[in-house]
PDB file of all heavy atoms in Angstrom:
ATOM      1  N   THR A   1     104.995  94.015  82.551  1.00  0.00           N
ATOM      2  CA  THR A   1     103.567  94.253  82.911  1.00  0.00           C
ATOM      3  C   THR A   1     103.334  94.097  84.354  1.00  0.00           C
ATOM      4  O   THR A   1     103.956  93.355  85.080  1.00  0.00           O
ATOM      5  CB  THR A   1     102.625  93.262  82.154  1.00  0.00           C
ATOM      6  OG1 THR A   1     102.986  91.910  82.597  1.00  0.00           O
ATOM      7  CG2 THR A   1     102.717  93.362  80.676  1.00  0.00           C
ATOM      8  N   GLY A   2     102.471  94.954  84.944  1.00  0.00           N
ATOM      9  CA  GLY A   2     102.096  94.900  86.347  1.00  0.00           C
ATOM     10  C   GLY A   2     101.215  96.016  86.661  1.00  0.00           C
ATOM     11  O   GLY A   2     100.877  96.918  85.835  1.00  0.00           O
ATOM     12  N   ASP A   3     100.624  95.996  87.904  1.00  0.00           N
ATOM     13  CA  ASP A   3      99.750  97.054  88.355  1.00  0.00           C
ATOM     14  C   ASP A   3     100.591  98.044  89.085  1.00  0.00           C
ATOM     15  O   ASP A   3     100.881  98.019  90.235  1.00  0.00           O
ATOM     16  CB  ASP A   3      98.740  96.455  89.363  1.00  0.00           C
ATOM     17  CG  ASP A   3      97.784  97.525  89.835  1.00  0.00           C
ATOM     18  OD1 ASP A   3      97.872  98.690  89.381  1.00  0.00           O
ATOM     19  OD2 ASP A   3      96.918  97.207  90.787  1.00  0.00           O
ATOM     20  N   PHE A   4     101.119  99.081  88.323  1.00  0.00           N
ATOM     21  CA  PHE A   4     102.071  99.994  88.788  1.00  0.00           C
ATOM     22  C   PHE A   4     101.585 101.099  89.646  1.00  0.00           C
ATOM     23  O   PHE A   4     102.327 101.739  90.324  1.00  0.00           O
ATOM     24  CB  PHE A   4     102.966 100.524  87.713  1.00  0.00           C
ATOM     25  CG  PHE A   4     103.596  99.405  87.024  1.00  0.00           C
ATOM     26  CD1 PHE A   4     103.460  99.140  85.629  1.00  0.00           C
ATOM     27  CD2 PHE A   4     104.545  98.580  87.597  1.00  0.00           C
ATOM     28  CE1 PHE A   4     104.136  98.141  84.955  1.00  0.00           C
ATOM     29  CE2 PHE A   4     105.290  97.605  86.911  1.00  0.00           C
ATOM     30  CZ  PHE A   4     105.036  97.378  85.604  1.00  0.00           C
ATOM     31  N   ASN A   5     100.223 101.430  89.601  1.00  0.00           N
ATOM     32  CA  ASN A   5      99.650 102.427  90.443  1.00  0.00           C
ATOM     33  C   ASN A   5      98.589 101.902  91.509  1.00  0.00           C
ATOM     34  O   ASN A   5      98.039 102.630  92.121  1.00  0.00           O
ATOM     35  CB  ASN A   5      98.948 103.505  89.499  1.00  0.00           C
ATOM     36  CG  ASN A   5      97.840 103.026  88.765  1.00  0.00           C
ATOM     37  OD1 ASN A   5      97.656 101.753  88.577  1.00  0.00           O
ATOM     38  ND2 ASN A   5      97.117 103.974  88.122  1.00  0.00           N
ATOM     39  N   GLY A   6      98.456 100.632  91.482  1.00  0.00           N
ATOM     40  CA  GLY A   6      97.684  99.985  92.569  1.00  0.00           C
ATOM     41  C   GLY A   6      96.164 100.084  92.395  1.00  0.00           C
ATOM     42  O   GLY A   6      95.406 100.071  93.264  1.00  0.00           O
ATOM     43  N   ASP A   7      95.695 100.304  91.133  1.00  0.00           N
ATOM     44  CA  ASP A   7      94.236 100.399  90.831  1.00  0.00           C
ATOM     45  C   ASP A   7      93.612  99.118  90.428  1.00  0.00           C
ATOM     46  O   ASP A   7      92.497  99.074  89.948  1.00  0.00           O
ATOM     47  CB  ASP A   7      93.987 101.510  89.861  1.00  0.00           C
ATOM     48  CG  ASP A   7      94.564 101.151  88.477  1.00  0.00           C
ATOM     49  OD1 ASP A   7      95.218 100.118  88.303  1.00  0.00           O
ATOM     50  OD2 ASP A   7      94.372 102.045  87.521  1.00  0.00           O
ATOM     51  N   ARG A   8      94.392  98.000  90.552  1.00  0.00           N
ATOM     52  CA  ARG A   8      93.942  96.602  90.159  1.00  0.00           C
ATOM     53  C   ARG A   8      93.894  96.372  88.701  1.00  0.00           C
ATOM     54  O   ARG A   8      93.108  95.472  88.252  1.00  0.00           O
ATOM     55  CB  ARG A   8      92.687  96.225  90.921  1.00  0.00           C
ATOM     56  CG  ARG A   8      92.826  96.215  92.419  1.00  0.00           C
ATOM     57  CD  ARG A   8      91.594  95.752  93.156  1.00  0.00           C
ATOM     58  NE  ARG A   8      91.795  95.815  94.608  1.00  0.00           N
ATOM     59  CZ  ARG A   8      90.861  95.421  95.459  1.00  0.00           C
ATOM     60  NH1 ARG A   8      89.720  94.886  94.981  1.00  0.00           N
ATOM     61  NH2 ARG A   8      91.091  95.484  96.695  1.00  0.00           N
ATOM     62  N   ARG A   9      94.332  97.300  87.865  1.00  0.00           N
ATOM     63  CA  ARG A   9      94.392  97.062  86.476  1.00  0.00           C
ATOM     64  C   ARG A   9      95.868  97.017  86.051  1.00  0.00           C
ATOM     65  O   ARG A   9      96.739  97.603  86.517  1.00  0.00           O
ATOM     66  CB  ARG A   9      93.794  98.294  85.674  1.00  0.00           C
ATOM     67  CG  ARG A   9      92.332  98.472  86.040  1.00  0.00           C
ATOM     68  CD  ARG A   9      91.640  99.423  85.006  1.00  0.00           C
ATOM     69  NE  ARG A   9      92.086 100.708  85.160  1.00  0.00           N
ATOM     70  CZ  ARG A   9      91.373 101.706  85.804  1.00  0.00           C
ATOM     71  NH1 ARG A   9      90.233 101.453  86.399  1.00  0.00           N
ATOM     72  NH2 ARG A   9      91.812 102.982  85.893  1.00  0.00           N
ATOM     73  N   MET A  10      96.101  95.968  85.051  1.00  0.00           N
ATOM     74  CA  MET A  10      97.425  95.797  84.541  1.00  0.00           C
ATOM     75  C   MET A  10      97.898  96.943  83.709  1.00  0.00           C
ATOM     76  O   MET A  10      97.104  97.286  82.713  1.00  0.00           O
ATOM     77  CB  MET A  10      97.422  94.434  83.777  1.00  0.00           C
ATOM     78  CG  MET A  10      98.991  94.074  83.480  1.00  0.00           C
ATOM     79  SD  MET A  10      98.991  92.627  82.343  1.00  0.00           S
ATOM     80  CE  MET A  10      98.651  93.510  80.773  1.00  0.00           C
ATOM     81  N   ASP A  11      99.096  97.470  84.000  1.00  0.00           N
ATOM     82  CA  ASP A  11      99.594  98.433  83.151  1.00  0.00           C
ATOM     83  C   ASP A  11     100.922  97.922  82.380  1.00  0.00           C
ATOM     84  O   ASP A  11     101.266  96.847  82.606  1.00  0.00           O
ATOM     85  CB  ASP A  11     100.090  99.638  84.081  1.00  0.00           C
ATOM     86  CG  ASP A  11      99.017 100.044  84.991  1.00  0.00           C
ATOM     87  OD1 ASP A  11      97.813 100.319  84.558  1.00  0.00           O
ATOM     88  OD2 ASP A  11      99.228 100.035  86.337  1.00  0.00           O
ATOM     89  N   MET A  12     101.465  98.838  81.633  1.00  0.00           N
ATOM     90  CA  MET A  12     102.709  98.464  80.910  1.00  0.00           C
ATOM     91  C   MET A  12     103.869  99.337  81.420  1.00  0.00           C
ATOM     92  O   MET A  12     103.700 100.615  81.468  1.00  0.00           O
ATOM     93  CB  MET A  12     102.638  98.701  79.283  1.00  0.00           C
ATOM     94  CG  MET A  12     101.566  97.845  78.717  1.00  0.00           C
ATOM     95  SD  MET A  12     101.958  96.079  78.717  1.00  0.00           S
ATOM     96  CE  MET A  12     103.559  96.075  77.867  1.00  0.00           C
ATOM     97  N   GLY A  13     104.942  98.696  81.754  1.00  0.00           N
ATOM     98  CA  GLY A  13     106.141  99.444  82.103  1.00  0.00           C
ATOM     99  C   GLY A  13     107.244  99.236  80.936  1.00  0.00           C
ATOM    100  O   GLY A  13     107.237  98.244  80.305  1.00  0.00           O
ATOM    101  N   MET A  14     107.968 100.253  80.734  1.00  0.00           N
ATOM    102  CA  MET A  14     109.038 100.229  79.711  1.00  0.00           C
ATOM    103  C   MET A  14     110.263 100.807  80.138  1.00  0.00           C
ATOM    104  O   MET A  14     110.362 101.961  80.706  1.00  0.00           O
ATOM    105  CB  MET A  14     108.598 100.967  78.374  1.00  0.00           C
ATOM    106  CG  MET A  14     109.520 100.828  77.287  1.00  0.00           C
ATOM    107  SD  MET A  14     108.915 101.523  75.765  1.00  0.00           S
ATOM    108  CE  MET A  14     108.790 103.352  76.232  1.00  0.00           C
ATOM    109  N   MET A  15     111.427 100.196  79.804  1.00  0.00           N
ATOM    110  CA  MET A  15     112.703 100.695  79.901  1.00  0.00           C
ATOM    111  C   MET A  15     113.215 101.014  78.449  1.00  0.00           C
ATOM    112  O   MET A  15     113.146 100.169  77.697  1.00  0.00           O
ATOM    113  CB  MET A  15     113.759  99.736  80.618  1.00  0.00           C
ATOM    114  CG  MET A  15     115.126 100.215  80.725  1.00  0.00           C
ATOM    115  SD  MET A  15     116.278  98.995  81.441  1.00  0.00           S
ATOM    116  CE  MET A  15     116.065  99.388  83.152  1.00  0.00           C
ATOM    117  N   TYR A  16     113.605 102.230  78.249  1.00  0.00           N
ATOM    118  CA  TYR A  16     113.909 102.682  76.891  1.00  0.00           C
ATOM    119  C   TYR A  16     115.379 103.192  76.836  1.00  0.00           C
ATOM    120  O   TYR A  16     115.731 104.022  77.625  1.00  0.00           O
ATOM    121  CB  TYR A  16     112.963 103.654  76.364  1.00  0.00           C
ATOM    122  CG  TYR A  16     113.052 103.907  74.823  1.00  0.00           C
ATOM    123  CD1 TYR A  16     112.317 103.200  74.001  1.00  0.00           C
ATOM    124  CD2 TYR A  16     113.901 104.953  74.389  1.00  0.00           C
ATOM    125  CE1 TYR A  16     112.467 103.359  72.609  1.00  0.00           C
ATOM    126  CE2 TYR A  16     114.073 105.110  73.060  1.00  0.00           C
ATOM    127  CZ  TYR A  16     113.290 104.405  72.073  1.00  0.00           C
ATOM    128  OH  TYR A  16     113.552 104.554  70.730  1.00  0.00           O
ATOM    129  N   ARG A  17     116.088 102.703  75.782  1.00  0.00           N
ATOM    130  CA  ARG A  17     117.555 103.174  75.658  1.00  0.00           C
ATOM    131  C   ARG A  17     117.550 104.178  74.425  1.00  0.00           C
ATOM    132  O   ARG A  17     117.129 103.929  73.387  1.00  0.00           O
ATOM    133  CB  ARG A  17     118.311 101.967  75.334  1.00  0.00           C
ATOM    134  CG  ARG A  17     119.830 102.321  74.974  1.00  0.00           C
ATOM    135  CD  ARG A  17     120.572 101.123  74.495  1.00  0.00           C
ATOM    136  NE  ARG A  17     119.996 100.602  73.270  1.00  0.00           N
ATOM    137  CZ  ARG A  17     120.422  99.565  72.526  1.00  0.00           C
ATOM    138  NH1 ARG A  17     121.507  98.918  72.980  1.00  0.00           N
ATOM    139  NH2 ARG A  17     119.771  99.112  71.540  1.00  0.00           N
ATOM    140  N   PHE A  18     118.112 105.348  74.743  1.00  0.00           N
ATOM    141  CA  PHE A  18     118.270 106.390  73.748  1.00  0.00           C
ATOM    142  C   PHE A  18     119.640 106.245  73.074  1.00  0.00           C
ATOM    143  O   PHE A  18     120.520 105.606  73.491  1.00  0.00           O
ATOM    144  CB  PHE A  18     118.110 107.763  74.350  1.00  0.00           C
ATOM    145  CG  PHE A  18     116.758 108.079  74.834  1.00  0.00           C
ATOM    146  CD1 PHE A  18     116.283 107.741  76.070  1.00  0.00           C
ATOM    147  CD2 PHE A  18     115.816 108.617  74.014  1.00  0.00           C
ATOM    148  CE1 PHE A  18     114.968 108.065  76.518  1.00  0.00           C
ATOM    149  CE2 PHE A  18     114.500 108.872  74.390  1.00  0.00           C
ATOM    150  CZ  PHE A  18     114.096 108.565  75.609  1.00  0.00           C
ATOM    151  N   GLY A  19     119.725 106.958  72.011  1.00  0.00           N
ATOM    152  CA  GLY A  19     120.936 106.864  71.160  1.00  0.00           C
ATOM    153  C   GLY A  19     122.172 107.317  71.836  1.00  0.00           C
ATOM    154  O   GLY A  19     123.327 106.890  71.547  1.00  0.00           O
ATOM    155  N   ASP A  20     122.008 108.142  72.837  1.00  0.00           N
ATOM    156  CA  ASP A  20     123.256 108.730  73.603  1.00  0.00           C
ATOM    157  C   ASP A  20     123.676 107.892  74.695  1.00  0.00           C
ATOM    158  O   ASP A  20     124.587 108.160  75.457  1.00  0.00           O
ATOM    159  CB  ASP A  20     122.951 110.114  74.091  1.00  0.00           C
ATOM    160  CG  ASP A  20     121.889 110.199  75.164  1.00  0.00           C
ATOM    161  OD1 ASP A  20     121.192 109.149  75.451  1.00  0.00           O
ATOM    162  OD2 ASP A  20     121.606 111.299  75.766  1.00  0.00           O
ATOM    163  N   GLY A  21     122.926 106.676  74.889  1.00  0.00           N
ATOM    164  CA  GLY A  21     123.297 105.765  75.954  1.00  0.00           C
ATOM    165  C   GLY A  21     122.441 105.981  77.266  1.00  0.00           C
ATOM    166  O   GLY A  21     122.564 105.130  78.146  1.00  0.00           O
ATOM    167  N   SER A  22     121.768 107.064  77.374  1.00  0.00           N
ATOM    168  CA  SER A  22     120.876 107.211  78.539  1.00  0.00           C
ATOM    169  C   SER A  22     119.651 106.162  78.554  1.00  0.00           C
ATOM    170  O   SER A  22     119.345 105.810  77.375  1.00  0.00           O
ATOM    171  CB  SER A  22     120.267 108.631  78.609  1.00  0.00           C
ATOM    172  OG  SER A  22     119.532 108.960  77.581  1.00  0.00           O
ATOM    173  N   ILE A  23     119.102 105.909  79.589  1.00  0.00           N
ATOM    174  CA  ILE A  23     118.036 104.899  79.711  1.00  0.00           C
ATOM    175  C   ILE A  23     116.972 105.538  80.529  1.00  0.00           C
ATOM    176  O   ILE A  23     117.203 105.994  81.653  1.00  0.00           O
ATOM    177  CB  ILE A  23     118.544 103.645  80.274  1.00  0.00           C
ATOM    178  CG1 ILE A  23     119.523 102.924  79.364  1.00  0.00           C
ATOM    179  CG2 ILE A  23     117.392 102.627  80.679  1.00  0.00           C
ATOM    180  CD1 ILE A  23     120.261 101.681  79.965  1.00  0.00           C
ATOM    181  N   LYS A  24     115.686 105.501  80.107  1.00  0.00           N
ATOM    182  CA  LYS A  24     114.594 106.114  80.853  1.00  0.00           C
ATOM    183  C   LYS A  24     113.513 105.083  81.135  1.00  0.00           C
ATOM    184  O   LYS A  24     113.219 104.174  80.284  1.00  0.00           O
ATOM    185  CB  LYS A  24     114.113 107.275  80.090  1.00  0.00           C
ATOM    186  CG  LYS A  24     113.032 108.152  80.882  1.00  0.00           C
ATOM    187  CD  LYS A  24     112.572 109.225  80.032  1.00  0.00           C
ATOM    188  CE  LYS A  24     113.532 110.292  79.877  1.00  0.00           C
ATOM    189  NZ  LYS A  24     113.703 111.182  81.036  1.00  0.00           N
ATOM    190  N   MET A  25     112.829 105.262  82.183  1.00  0.00           N
ATOM    191  CA  MET A  25     111.661 104.351  82.521  1.00  0.00           C
ATOM    192  C   MET A  25     110.395 105.072  82.264  1.00  0.00           C
ATOM    193  O   MET A  25     110.242 106.261  82.483  1.00  0.00           O
ATOM    194  CB  MET A  25     111.634 104.049  84.047  1.00  0.00           C
ATOM    195  CG  MET A  25     112.843 103.203  84.535  1.00  0.00           C
ATOM    196  SD  MET A  25     113.059 101.610  83.809  1.00  0.00           S
ATOM    197  CE  MET A  25     111.489 100.842  84.415  1.00  0.00           C
ATOM    198  N   TYR A  26     109.431 104.306  81.655  1.00  0.00           N
ATOM    199  CA  TYR A  26     108.123 104.931  81.320  1.00  0.00           C
ATOM    200  C   TYR A  26     106.964 103.931  81.776  1.00  0.00           C
ATOM    201  O   TYR A  26     107.220 102.767  82.020  1.00  0.00           O
ATOM    202  CB  TYR A  26     107.952 104.952  79.747  1.00  0.00           C
ATOM    203  CG  TYR A  26     108.906 105.925  79.077  1.00  0.00           C
ATOM    204  CD1 TYR A  26     110.179 105.583  78.781  1.00  0.00           C
ATOM    205  CD2 TYR A  26     108.336 107.182  78.647  1.00  0.00           C
ATOM    206  CE1 TYR A  26     111.032 106.587  78.075  1.00  0.00           C
ATOM    207  CE2 TYR A  26     109.208 108.128  78.153  1.00  0.00           C
ATOM    208  CZ  TYR A  26     110.488 107.794  77.771  1.00  0.00           C
ATOM    209  OH  TYR A  26     111.200 108.733  77.138  1.00  0.00           O
ATOM    210  N   THR A  27     105.830 104.569  82.105  1.00  0.00           N
ATOM    211  CA  THR A  27     104.672 103.826  82.503  1.00  0.00           C
ATOM    212  C   THR A  27     103.511 104.166  81.590  1.00  0.00           C
ATOM    213  O   THR A  27     103.238 105.274  81.304  1.00  0.00           O
ATOM    214  CB  THR A  27     104.273 104.252  83.916  1.00  0.00           C
ATOM    215  OG1 THR A  27     105.401 104.113  84.780  1.00  0.00           O
ATOM    216  CG2 THR A  27     103.194 103.184  84.447  1.00  0.00           C
ATOM    217  N   GLY A  28     102.880 103.084  81.063  1.00  0.00           N
ATOM    218  CA  GLY A  28     101.565 103.289  80.303  1.00  0.00           C
ATOM    219  C   GLY A  28     100.499 102.677  81.027  1.00  0.00           C
ATOM    220  O   GLY A  28     100.359 101.447  81.180  1.00  0.00           O
ATOM    221  N   LEU A  29      99.725 103.568  81.842  1.00  0.00           N
ATOM    222  CA  LEU A  29      98.627 103.044  82.645  1.00  0.00           C
ATOM    223  C   LEU A  29      97.435 102.551  81.830  1.00  0.00           C
ATOM    224  O   LEU A  29      97.122 103.111  80.790  1.00  0.00           O
ATOM    225  CB  LEU A  29      98.184 104.196  83.581  1.00  0.00           C
ATOM    226  CG  LEU A  29      99.201 104.612  84.653  1.00  0.00           C
ATOM    227  CD1 LEU A  29      98.719 105.752  85.409  1.00  0.00           C
ATOM    228  CD2 LEU A  29      99.737 103.416  85.498  1.00  0.00           C
ATOM    229  N   ALA A  30      96.736 101.608  82.269  1.00  0.00           N
ATOM    230  CA  ALA A  30      95.453 101.161  81.629  1.00  0.00           C
ATOM    231  C   ALA A  30      94.300 101.889  82.204  1.00  0.00           C
ATOM    232  O   ALA A  30      94.269 102.282  83.343  1.00  0.00           O
ATOM    233  CB  ALA A  30      95.245  99.701  82.017  1.00  0.00           C
ATOM    234  N   ASP A  31      93.352 102.271  81.340  1.00  0.00           N
ATOM    235  CA  ASP A  31      92.198 102.985  81.775  1.00  0.00           C
ATOM    236  C   ASP A  31      91.023 101.992  82.151  1.00  0.00           C
ATOM    237  O   ASP A  31      91.228 100.788  82.176  1.00  0.00           O
ATOM    238  CB  ASP A  31      91.670 103.962  80.618  1.00  0.00           C
ATOM    239  CG  ASP A  31      91.275 103.225  79.413  1.00  0.00           C
ATOM    240  OD1 ASP A  31      91.010 102.055  79.365  1.00  0.00           O
ATOM    241  OD2 ASP A  31      91.112 103.994  78.349  1.00  0.00           O
ATOM    242  N   ALA A  32      89.899 102.608  82.534  1.00  0.00           N
ATOM    243  CA  ALA A  32      88.786 101.781  82.996  1.00  0.00           C
ATOM    244  C   ALA A  32      88.279 100.771  81.995  1.00  0.00           C
ATOM    245  O   ALA A  32      87.669  99.818  82.346  1.00  0.00           O
ATOM    246  CB  ALA A  32      87.696 102.616  83.518  1.00  0.00           C
TER     247      ALA A  32
END
């Protein structure tokens, strides 16, 4: 968790592992 876009709201960050072994970063921003 953190404010990843600088709008002073806490967002969710995720690292996700796929079945082929690749790993991707995701961001779930919080709304107003």
